[in-house]
Amino acid sequence: MRSATLLLALTLAATGVGAQEPPQPAPDAAAQPASAPWTFSATGYWNMPRESGDYLSGIFIAEKSQLHLEARANYEAKHSQSAFLGWSFSGGETVQFKATPIVGFLWGSTHGVIGGLEASVAFKNSTTTSKPNTWIRMEQNQDTSMPGVNLATAPSNG
């Protein structure tokens, strides 16, 4: 009985190892590049300004190949949301870089069109990241009831 159990366990282990080998692709499938998978990330920042109440900022990112989609909450201003579309460019071997120009919309307590550049540089085990943004804020002019345009620079939390 003991040897039968051992034989069954060895057979199942050998079968399990064989099942983990990837199937060989057909010749035409090998010529086609594999589709890049979606990657997702979420980051939160707890803000504690002295003049007002504490609040949470959130950044949510989805990427596939070079496509970059991003949503933010309470990032540019408290009680504001934003959504972005971008395209990533990267390269380098010893020193690696990635630059992603983005454009989007801002709404909530502040609203307008917003653009920016997310960039990172990596060398060995060190990486630095920057996220400067500028938006065109649409405001109501009290004298003429016409919208005005102001340029503002968003904080860089990266």
N, C-alpha and C. Protein backbone atom coordinates (compact mmCIF):
# COMPACT_ATOMS: atom_id res chain seq x y z
N MET A 1 0.82 -1.19 0.00
CA MET A 1 0.00 0.00 0.00
C MET A 1 0.86 1.26 0.00
N ARG A 2 1.91 1.23 0.81
CA ARG A 2 2.80 2.38 0.90
C ARG A 2 3.52 2.63 -0.43
N SER A 3 3.99 1.58 -1.09
CA SER A 3 4.67 1.73 -2.37
C SER A 3 3.70 2.16 -3.46
N ALA A 4 2.45 1.74 -3.37
CA ALA A 4 1.44 2.16 -4.36
C ALA A 4 1.16 3.66 -4.20
N THR A 5 1.09 4.16 -2.98
CA THR A 5 0.87 5.58 -2.73
C THR A 5 2.05 6.39 -3.23
N LEU A 6 3.29 5.90 -2.97
CA LEU A 6 4.49 6.58 -3.45
C LEU A 6 4.52 6.61 -4.97
N LEU A 7 4.17 5.50 -5.62
CA LEU A 7 4.15 5.43 -7.08
C LEU A 7 3.10 6.39 -7.64
N LEU A 8 1.94 6.47 -7.02
CA LEU A 8 0.89 7.39 -7.47
C LEU A 8 1.35 8.85 -7.32
N ALA A 9 1.99 9.18 -6.21
CA ALA A 9 2.49 10.53 -5.99
C ALA A 9 3.55 10.90 -7.02
N LEU A 10 4.48 9.98 -7.31
CA LEU A 10 5.51 10.26 -8.32
C LEU A 10 4.90 10.42 -9.71
N THR A 11 3.91 9.64 -10.04
CA THR A 11 3.24 9.75 -11.35
C THR A 11 2.53 11.09 -11.47
N LEU A 12 1.81 11.50 -10.42
CA LEU A 12 1.12 12.79 -10.45
C LEU A 12 2.11 13.95 -10.52
N ALA A 13 3.23 13.85 -9.81
CA ALA A 13 4.24 14.91 -9.86
C ALA A 13 4.85 15.01 -11.25
N ALA A 14 5.14 13.87 -11.86
CA ALA A 14 5.72 13.89 -13.21
C ALA A 14 4.72 14.44 -14.21
N THR A 15 3.44 14.10 -14.05
CA THR A 15 2.41 14.62 -14.94
C THR A 15 2.25 16.12 -14.75
N GLY A 16 2.31 16.58 -13.51
CA GLY A 16 2.20 18.02 -13.23
C GLY A 16 3.33 18.80 -13.84
N VAL A 17 4.55 18.31 -13.79
CA VAL A 17 5.69 19.00 -14.39
C VAL A 17 5.53 19.05 -15.90
N GLY A 18 5.07 17.97 -16.49
CA GLY A 18 4.88 17.94 -17.94
C GLY A 18 3.80 18.91 -18.38
N ALA A 19 2.78 19.09 -17.54
CA ALA A 19 1.67 19.98 -17.89
C ALA A 19 2.09 21.45 -17.84
N GLN A 20 3.18 21.77 -17.15
CA GLN A 20 3.60 23.15 -17.03
C GLN A 20 4.45 23.62 -18.21
N GLU A 21 4.86 22.71 -19.09
CA GLU A 21 5.65 23.12 -20.25
C GLU A 21 4.75 23.85 -21.23
N PRO A 22 5.22 24.99 -21.77
CA PRO A 22 4.37 25.73 -22.72
C PRO A 22 4.25 24.99 -24.04
N PRO A 23 3.08 25.06 -24.68
CA PRO A 23 2.93 24.41 -25.98
C PRO A 23 3.76 25.13 -27.03
N GLN A 24 4.23 24.38 -27.99
CA GLN A 24 5.03 24.96 -29.08
C GLN A 24 4.10 25.67 -30.06
N PRO A 25 4.40 26.92 -30.41
CA PRO A 25 3.51 27.65 -31.32
C PRO A 25 3.63 27.14 -32.75
N ALA A 26 2.55 27.31 -33.49
CA ALA A 26 2.56 26.97 -34.91
C ALA A 26 3.51 27.91 -35.63
N PRO A 27 4.09 27.50 -36.77
CA PRO A 27 5.04 28.37 -37.47
C PRO A 27 4.50 29.75 -37.81
N ASP A 28 3.21 29.88 -38.23
CA ASP A 28 2.70 31.21 -38.57
C ASP A 28 2.50 32.05 -37.31
N ALA A 29 2.14 31.46 -36.19
CA ALA A 29 1.91 32.20 -34.96
C ALA A 29 3.22 32.76 -34.41
N ALA A 30 4.32 32.07 -34.65
CA ALA A 30 5.61 32.55 -34.15
C ALA A 30 6.04 33.83 -34.85
N ALA A 31 5.61 34.04 -36.09
CA ALA A 31 5.99 35.25 -36.84
C ALA A 31 5.22 36.48 -36.36
N GLN A 32 4.05 36.29 -35.74
CA GLN A 32 3.25 37.41 -35.26
C GLN A 32 3.68 37.80 -33.85
N PRO A 33 3.87 39.11 -33.58
CA PRO A 33 4.26 39.52 -32.23
C PRO A 33 3.12 39.30 -31.24
N ALA A 34 3.48 38.91 -30.02
CA ALA A 34 2.48 38.71 -28.98
C ALA A 34 1.90 40.05 -28.55
N SER A 35 0.60 40.09 -28.27
CA SER A 35 -0.04 41.32 -27.82
C SER A 35 0.43 41.65 -26.41
N ALA A 36 0.75 42.91 -26.19
CA ALA A 36 1.20 43.33 -24.86
C ALA A 36 0.03 43.30 -23.89
N PRO A 37 0.24 42.83 -22.66
CA PRO A 37 -0.86 42.80 -21.70
C PRO A 37 -1.11 44.18 -21.10
N TRP A 38 -2.30 44.38 -20.56
CA TRP A 38 -2.62 45.60 -19.83
C TRP A 38 -1.90 45.55 -18.48
N THR A 39 -1.39 46.69 -18.04
CA THR A 39 -0.85 46.81 -16.69
C THR A 39 -1.64 47.90 -15.97
N PHE A 40 -1.84 47.70 -14.68
CA PHE A 40 -2.64 48.62 -13.88
C PHE A 40 -1.87 49.00 -12.62
N SER A 41 -2.05 50.24 -12.19
CA SER A 41 -1.46 50.68 -10.92
C SER A 41 -2.36 51.72 -10.27
N ALA A 42 -2.28 51.78 -8.96
CA ALA A 42 -3.03 52.77 -8.18
C ALA A 42 -2.11 53.30 -7.08
N THR A 43 -2.12 54.62 -6.90
CA THR A 43 -1.29 55.27 -5.89
C THR A 43 -2.16 56.24 -5.11
N GLY A 44 -1.94 56.30 -3.81
CA GLY A 44 -2.68 57.23 -2.97
C GLY A 44 -1.74 58.09 -2.14
N TYR A 45 -2.13 59.33 -1.93
CA TYR A 45 -1.39 60.27 -1.10
C TYR A 45 -2.34 60.85 -0.06
N TRP A 46 -1.96 60.84 1.20
CA TRP A 46 -2.76 61.45 2.25
C TRP A 46 -2.25 62.88 2.42
N ASN A 47 -3.12 63.85 2.23
CA ASN A 47 -2.77 65.27 2.33
C ASN A 47 -3.31 65.85 3.63
N MET A 48 -2.46 66.61 4.32
CA MET A 48 -2.86 67.23 5.59
C MET A 48 -2.50 68.71 5.58
N PRO A 49 -3.23 69.52 4.79
CA PRO A 49 -2.93 70.95 4.77
C PRO A 49 -3.29 71.60 6.11
N ARG A 50 -2.55 72.63 6.47
CA ARG A 50 -2.78 73.29 7.76
C ARG A 50 -4.09 74.07 7.79
N GLU A 51 -4.48 74.65 6.64
CA GLU A 51 -5.64 75.54 6.61
C GLU A 51 -6.97 74.82 6.45
N SER A 52 -6.97 73.55 6.04
CA SER A 52 -8.25 72.86 5.79
C SER A 52 -8.13 71.40 6.22
N GLY A 53 -9.20 70.66 6.01
CA GLY A 53 -9.25 69.26 6.44
C GLY A 53 -8.37 68.34 5.61
N ASP A 54 -8.03 67.21 6.20
CA ASP A 54 -7.23 66.19 5.52
C ASP A 54 -8.05 65.55 4.40
N TYR A 55 -7.35 65.09 3.36
CA TYR A 55 -8.04 64.40 2.28
C TYR A 55 -7.07 63.47 1.55
N LEU A 56 -7.63 62.54 0.79
CA LEU A 56 -6.86 61.55 0.05
C LEU A 56 -6.82 61.92 -1.43
N SER A 57 -5.63 61.86 -2.04
CA SER A 57 -5.48 62.01 -3.49
C SER A 57 -5.21 60.64 -4.08
N GLY A 58 -5.76 60.38 -5.25
CA GLY A 58 -5.55 59.08 -5.88
C GLY A 58 -5.18 59.21 -7.35
N ILE A 59 -4.29 58.33 -7.81
CA ILE A 59 -3.90 58.26 -9.21
C ILE A 59 -4.07 56.81 -9.66
N PHE A 60 -4.78 56.61 -10.76
CA PHE A 60 -5.05 55.29 -11.29
C PHE A 60 -4.57 55.25 -12.73
N ILE A 61 -3.72 54.27 -13.07
CA ILE A 61 -3.10 54.21 -14.38
C ILE A 61 -3.35 52.84 -15.01
N ALA A 62 -3.67 52.84 -16.31
CA ALA A 62 -3.78 51.62 -17.11
C ALA A 62 -2.92 51.83 -18.35
N GLU A 63 -2.05 50.87 -18.66
CA GLU A 63 -1.18 50.97 -19.83
C GLU A 63 -1.21 49.68 -20.61
N LYS A 64 -1.13 49.83 -21.91
CA LYS A 64 -1.00 48.69 -22.82
C LYS A 64 -0.08 49.12 -23.94
N SER A 65 1.06 48.45 -24.02
CA SER A 65 2.10 48.82 -24.98
C SER A 65 2.47 50.29 -24.74
N GLN A 66 2.25 51.16 -25.70
CA GLN A 66 2.59 52.57 -25.53
C GLN A 66 1.41 53.43 -25.07
N LEU A 67 0.19 52.89 -25.11
CA LEU A 67 -1.00 53.63 -24.70
C LEU A 67 -1.01 53.84 -23.19
N HIS A 68 -1.31 55.06 -22.76
CA HIS A 68 -1.33 55.42 -21.34
C HIS A 68 -2.66 56.08 -21.02
N LEU A 69 -3.43 55.50 -20.09
CA LEU A 69 -4.69 56.07 -19.62
C LEU A 69 -4.52 56.36 -18.13
N GLU A 70 -4.97 57.53 -17.70
CA GLU A 70 -4.76 57.91 -16.30
C GLU A 70 -5.97 58.67 -15.78
N ALA A 71 -6.35 58.41 -14.54
CA ALA A 71 -7.42 59.14 -13.85
C ALA A 71 -6.88 59.57 -12.49
N ARG A 72 -7.24 60.79 -12.08
CA ARG A 72 -6.79 61.33 -10.80
C ARG A 72 -7.97 61.89 -10.03
N ALA A 73 -7.89 61.80 -8.72
CA ALA A 73 -8.91 62.38 -7.85
C ALA A 73 -8.21 63.20 -6.78
N ASN A 74 -8.64 64.45 -6.60
CA ASN A 74 -8.07 65.36 -5.60
C ASN A 74 -6.57 65.60 -5.80
N TYR A 75 -6.07 65.52 -7.02
CA TYR A 75 -4.64 65.68 -7.27
C TYR A 75 -4.30 67.14 -7.61
N GLU A 76 -4.94 67.69 -8.63
CA GLU A 76 -4.67 69.07 -9.03
C GLU A 76 -5.27 70.06 -8.04
N ALA A 77 -6.41 69.72 -7.46
CA ALA A 77 -7.08 70.55 -6.46
C ALA A 77 -8.03 69.66 -5.67
N LYS A 78 -8.34 70.08 -4.46
CA LYS A 78 -9.28 69.33 -3.63
C LYS A 78 -10.66 69.36 -4.30
N HIS A 79 -11.36 68.24 -4.30
CA HIS A 79 -12.68 68.07 -4.91
C HIS A 79 -12.62 68.23 -6.43
N SER A 80 -11.52 67.82 -7.06
CA SER A 80 -11.43 67.85 -8.53
C SER A 80 -11.05 66.46 -9.02
N GLN A 81 -11.41 66.18 -10.26
CA GLN A 81 -11.07 64.92 -10.91
C GLN A 81 -10.48 65.24 -12.27
N SER A 82 -9.65 64.32 -12.78
CA SER A 82 -9.08 64.52 -14.11
C SER A 82 -8.91 63.17 -14.79
N ALA A 83 -8.91 63.20 -16.12
CA ALA A 83 -8.71 62.00 -16.93
C ALA A 83 -7.75 62.36 -18.07
N PHE A 84 -6.83 61.45 -18.38
CA PHE A 84 -5.77 61.72 -19.36
C PHE A 84 -5.64 60.59 -20.37
N LEU A 85 -5.11 60.97 -21.53
CA LEU A 85 -4.73 60.04 -22.58
C LEU A 85 -3.31 60.40 -22.95
N GLY A 86 -2.44 59.41 -23.07
CA GLY A 86 -1.05 59.68 -23.41
C GLY A 86 -0.43 58.56 -24.23
N TRP A 87 0.78 58.83 -24.72
CA TRP A 87 1.53 57.87 -25.52
C TRP A 87 2.96 57.86 -25.00
N SER A 88 3.49 56.69 -24.66
CA SER A 88 4.81 56.57 -24.05
C SER A 88 5.90 56.31 -25.08
N PHE A 89 7.05 56.93 -24.84
CA PHE A 89 8.25 56.72 -25.63
C PHE A 89 9.35 56.30 -24.67
N SER A 90 10.10 55.25 -25.01
CA SER A 90 11.15 54.79 -24.11
C SER A 90 12.34 54.29 -24.90
N GLY A 91 13.46 54.17 -24.21
CA GLY A 91 14.66 53.66 -24.86
C GLY A 91 15.83 53.64 -23.89
N GLY A 92 16.99 53.28 -24.45
CA GLY A 92 18.21 53.25 -23.67
C GLY A 92 18.53 51.86 -23.17
N GLU A 93 19.82 51.62 -22.98
CA GLU A 93 20.26 50.35 -22.41
C GLU A 93 20.90 50.57 -21.05
N THR A 94 22.02 51.29 -21.02
CA THR A 94 22.68 51.55 -19.74
C THR A 94 21.87 52.53 -18.92
N VAL A 95 21.50 53.64 -19.54
CA VAL A 95 20.61 54.61 -18.92
C VAL A 95 19.28 54.50 -19.66
N GLN A 96 18.24 54.10 -18.95
CA GLN A 96 16.93 53.90 -19.56
C GLN A 96 16.04 55.10 -19.27
N PHE A 97 15.22 55.48 -20.26
CA PHE A 97 14.30 56.61 -20.06
C PHE A 97 12.92 56.24 -20.57
N LYS A 98 11.94 56.94 -20.03
CA LYS A 98 10.56 56.82 -20.49
C LYS A 98 9.93 58.20 -20.39
N ALA A 99 9.31 58.66 -21.46
CA ALA A 99 8.63 59.95 -21.49
C ALA A 99 7.21 59.72 -22.03
N THR A 100 6.23 60.29 -21.32
CA THR A 100 4.83 60.12 -21.71
C THR A 100 4.14 61.48 -21.73
N PRO A 101 3.99 62.10 -22.91
CA PRO A 101 3.17 63.32 -22.99
C PRO A 101 1.69 62.93 -22.79
N ILE A 102 0.98 63.73 -21.97
CA ILE A 102 -0.42 63.44 -21.68
C ILE A 102 -1.28 64.68 -21.89
N VAL A 103 -2.53 64.46 -22.25
CA VAL A 103 -3.50 65.55 -22.38
C VAL A 103 -4.82 65.04 -21.83
N GLY A 104 -5.57 65.94 -21.16
CA GLY A 104 -6.82 65.50 -20.58
C GLY A 104 -7.70 66.66 -20.15
N PHE A 105 -8.70 66.31 -19.35
CA PHE A 105 -9.68 67.27 -18.87
C PHE A 105 -9.71 67.25 -17.35
N LEU A 106 -9.99 68.40 -16.77
CA LEU A 106 -10.07 68.58 -15.33
C LEU A 106 -11.45 69.12 -15.01
N TRP A 107 -12.14 68.54 -14.04
CA TRP A 107 -13.46 69.02 -13.66
C TRP A 107 -13.64 68.90 -12.15
N GLY A 108 -14.67 69.53 -11.64
CA GLY A 108 -14.93 69.55 -10.20
C GLY A 108 -14.73 70.96 -9.69
N SER A 109 -13.99 71.11 -8.58
CA SER A 109 -13.76 72.44 -8.01
C SER A 109 -12.93 73.33 -8.94
N THR A 110 -12.12 72.74 -9.78
CA THR A 110 -11.34 73.44 -10.81
C THR A 110 -11.61 72.69 -12.11
N HIS A 111 -11.73 73.41 -13.22
CA HIS A 111 -12.02 72.71 -14.48
C HIS A 111 -11.26 73.36 -15.63
N GLY A 112 -11.00 72.56 -16.65
CA GLY A 112 -10.29 73.05 -17.82
C GLY A 112 -9.60 71.92 -18.57
N VAL A 113 -8.75 72.30 -19.50
CA VAL A 113 -7.95 71.37 -20.28
C VAL A 113 -6.58 71.30 -19.62
N ILE A 114 -6.03 70.11 -19.52
CA ILE A 114 -4.76 69.94 -18.82
C ILE A 114 -3.82 69.07 -19.65
N GLY A 115 -2.55 69.45 -19.66
CA GLY A 115 -1.54 68.68 -20.37
C GLY A 115 -0.31 68.53 -19.50
N GLY A 116 0.50 67.57 -19.81
CA GLY A 116 1.70 67.37 -19.01
C GLY A 116 2.65 66.39 -19.65
N LEU A 117 3.73 66.14 -18.96
CA LEU A 117 4.75 65.20 -19.39
C LEU A 117 5.20 64.42 -18.18
N GLU A 118 5.02 63.12 -18.23
CA GLU A 118 5.52 62.25 -17.17
C GLU A 118 6.81 61.64 -17.70
N ALA A 119 7.89 61.76 -16.93
CA ALA A 119 9.19 61.28 -17.39
C ALA A 119 9.92 60.56 -16.27
N SER A 120 10.68 59.54 -16.64
CA SER A 120 11.51 58.84 -15.67
C SER A 120 12.82 58.44 -16.33
N VAL A 121 13.87 58.41 -15.52
CA VAL A 121 15.20 57.99 -15.96
C VAL A 121 15.70 56.98 -14.95
N ALA A 122 16.24 55.85 -15.45
CA ALA A 122 16.76 54.80 -14.57
C ALA A 122 18.19 54.47 -14.95
N PHE A 123 19.02 54.32 -13.92
CA PHE A 123 20.41 53.91 -14.10
C PHE A 123 20.73 52.91 -13.00
N LYS A 124 21.03 51.68 -13.39
CA LYS A 124 21.28 50.58 -12.45
C LYS A 124 20.08 50.42 -11.52
N ASN A 125 20.25 50.62 -10.23
CA ASN A 125 19.15 50.43 -9.26
C ASN A 125 18.49 51.74 -8.85
N SER A 126 18.75 52.82 -9.57
CA SER A 126 18.22 54.13 -9.20
C SER A 126 17.27 54.65 -10.27
N THR A 127 16.12 55.18 -9.85
CA THR A 127 15.13 55.74 -10.77
C THR A 127 14.66 57.08 -10.24
N THR A 128 14.50 58.05 -11.14
CA THR A 128 13.92 59.34 -10.75
C THR A 128 12.73 59.61 -11.67
N THR A 129 11.69 60.20 -11.12
CA THR A 129 10.45 60.44 -11.86
C THR A 129 10.00 61.87 -11.65
N SER A 130 9.40 62.47 -12.71
CA SER A 130 8.85 63.82 -12.61
C SER A 130 7.51 63.85 -13.33
N LYS A 131 6.55 64.60 -12.77
CA LYS A 131 5.21 64.73 -13.36
C LYS A 131 4.76 66.18 -13.37
N PRO A 132 5.43 67.05 -14.11
CA PRO A 132 4.94 68.44 -14.18
C PRO A 132 3.70 68.53 -15.07
N ASN A 133 2.74 69.33 -14.67
CA ASN A 133 1.50 69.53 -15.43
C ASN A 133 1.16 71.01 -15.49
N THR A 134 0.54 71.40 -16.58
CA THR A 134 0.01 72.75 -16.71
C THR A 134 -1.41 72.63 -17.25
N TRP A 135 -2.32 73.42 -16.67
CA TRP A 135 -3.67 73.37 -17.19
C TRP A 135 -4.17 74.75 -17.53
N ILE A 136 -5.12 74.77 -18.44
CA ILE A 136 -5.82 76.00 -18.81
C ILE A 136 -7.12 75.98 -18.03
N ARG A 137 -7.25 76.86 -17.08
CA ARG A 137 -8.40 76.89 -16.20
C ARG A 137 -9.43 77.85 -16.77
N MET A 138 -10.64 77.38 -16.93
CA MET A 138 -11.73 78.22 -17.42
C MET A 138 -12.46 78.80 -16.22
N GLU A 139 -12.53 80.13 -16.14
CA GLU A 139 -13.20 80.80 -15.04
C GLU A 139 -14.20 81.81 -15.59
N GLN A 140 -15.22 82.07 -14.84
CA GLN A 140 -16.22 83.05 -15.23
C GLN A 140 -15.72 84.45 -14.85
N ASN A 141 -15.65 85.36 -15.81
CA ASN A 141 -15.24 86.73 -15.55
C ASN A 141 -16.44 87.47 -14.96
N GLN A 142 -16.28 88.06 -13.79
CA GLN A 142 -17.40 88.69 -13.10
C GLN A 142 -17.89 89.95 -13.83
N ASP A 143 -17.03 90.61 -14.58
CA ASP A 143 -17.43 91.85 -15.26
C ASP A 143 -18.19 91.61 -16.55
N THR A 144 -17.79 90.61 -17.34
CA THR A 144 -18.35 90.45 -18.67
C THR A 144 -19.16 89.18 -18.87
N SER A 145 -19.20 88.30 -17.88
CA SER A 145 -19.87 87.00 -18.00
C SER A 145 -19.28 86.17 -19.13
N MET A 146 -18.03 86.43 -19.48
CA MET A 146 -17.34 85.64 -20.50
C MET A 146 -16.27 84.79 -19.81
N PRO A 147 -16.06 83.56 -20.28
CA PRO A 147 -15.02 82.74 -19.66
C PRO A 147 -13.65 83.34 -19.92
N GLY A 148 -12.79 83.25 -18.94
CA GLY A 148 -11.41 83.71 -19.07
C GLY A 148 -10.48 82.51 -19.01
N VAL A 149 -9.24 82.72 -19.35
CA VAL A 149 -8.26 81.65 -19.36
C VAL A 149 -7.11 82.03 -18.44
N ASN A 150 -6.79 81.15 -17.50
CA ASN A 150 -5.64 81.33 -16.63
C ASN A 150 -4.77 80.09 -16.75
N LEU A 151 -3.46 80.26 -16.76
CA LEU A 151 -2.54 79.14 -16.74
C LEU A 151 -2.13 78.88 -15.32
N ALA A 152 -2.12 77.63 -14.93
CA ALA A 152 -1.71 77.26 -13.57
C ALA A 152 -0.80 76.05 -13.66
N THR A 153 0.09 75.89 -12.73
CA THR A 153 0.98 74.74 -12.70
C THR A 153 0.58 73.85 -11.53
N ALA A 154 0.37 72.58 -11.85
CA ALA A 154 -0.04 71.62 -10.82
C ALA A 154 1.17 71.17 -10.01
N PRO A 155 0.93 70.74 -8.79
CA PRO A 155 2.04 70.25 -7.97
C PRO A 155 2.62 68.98 -8.54
N SER A 156 3.89 68.74 -8.32
CA SER A 156 4.54 67.52 -8.77
C SER A 156 4.67 66.60 -7.57
N ASN A 157 3.78 65.61 -7.47
CA ASN A 157 3.82 64.67 -6.36
C ASN A 157 4.70 63.47 -6.65
N GLY A 158 5.27 63.41 -7.87
CA GLY A 158 6.06 62.23 -8.25
C GLY A 158 7.37 62.33 -7.68
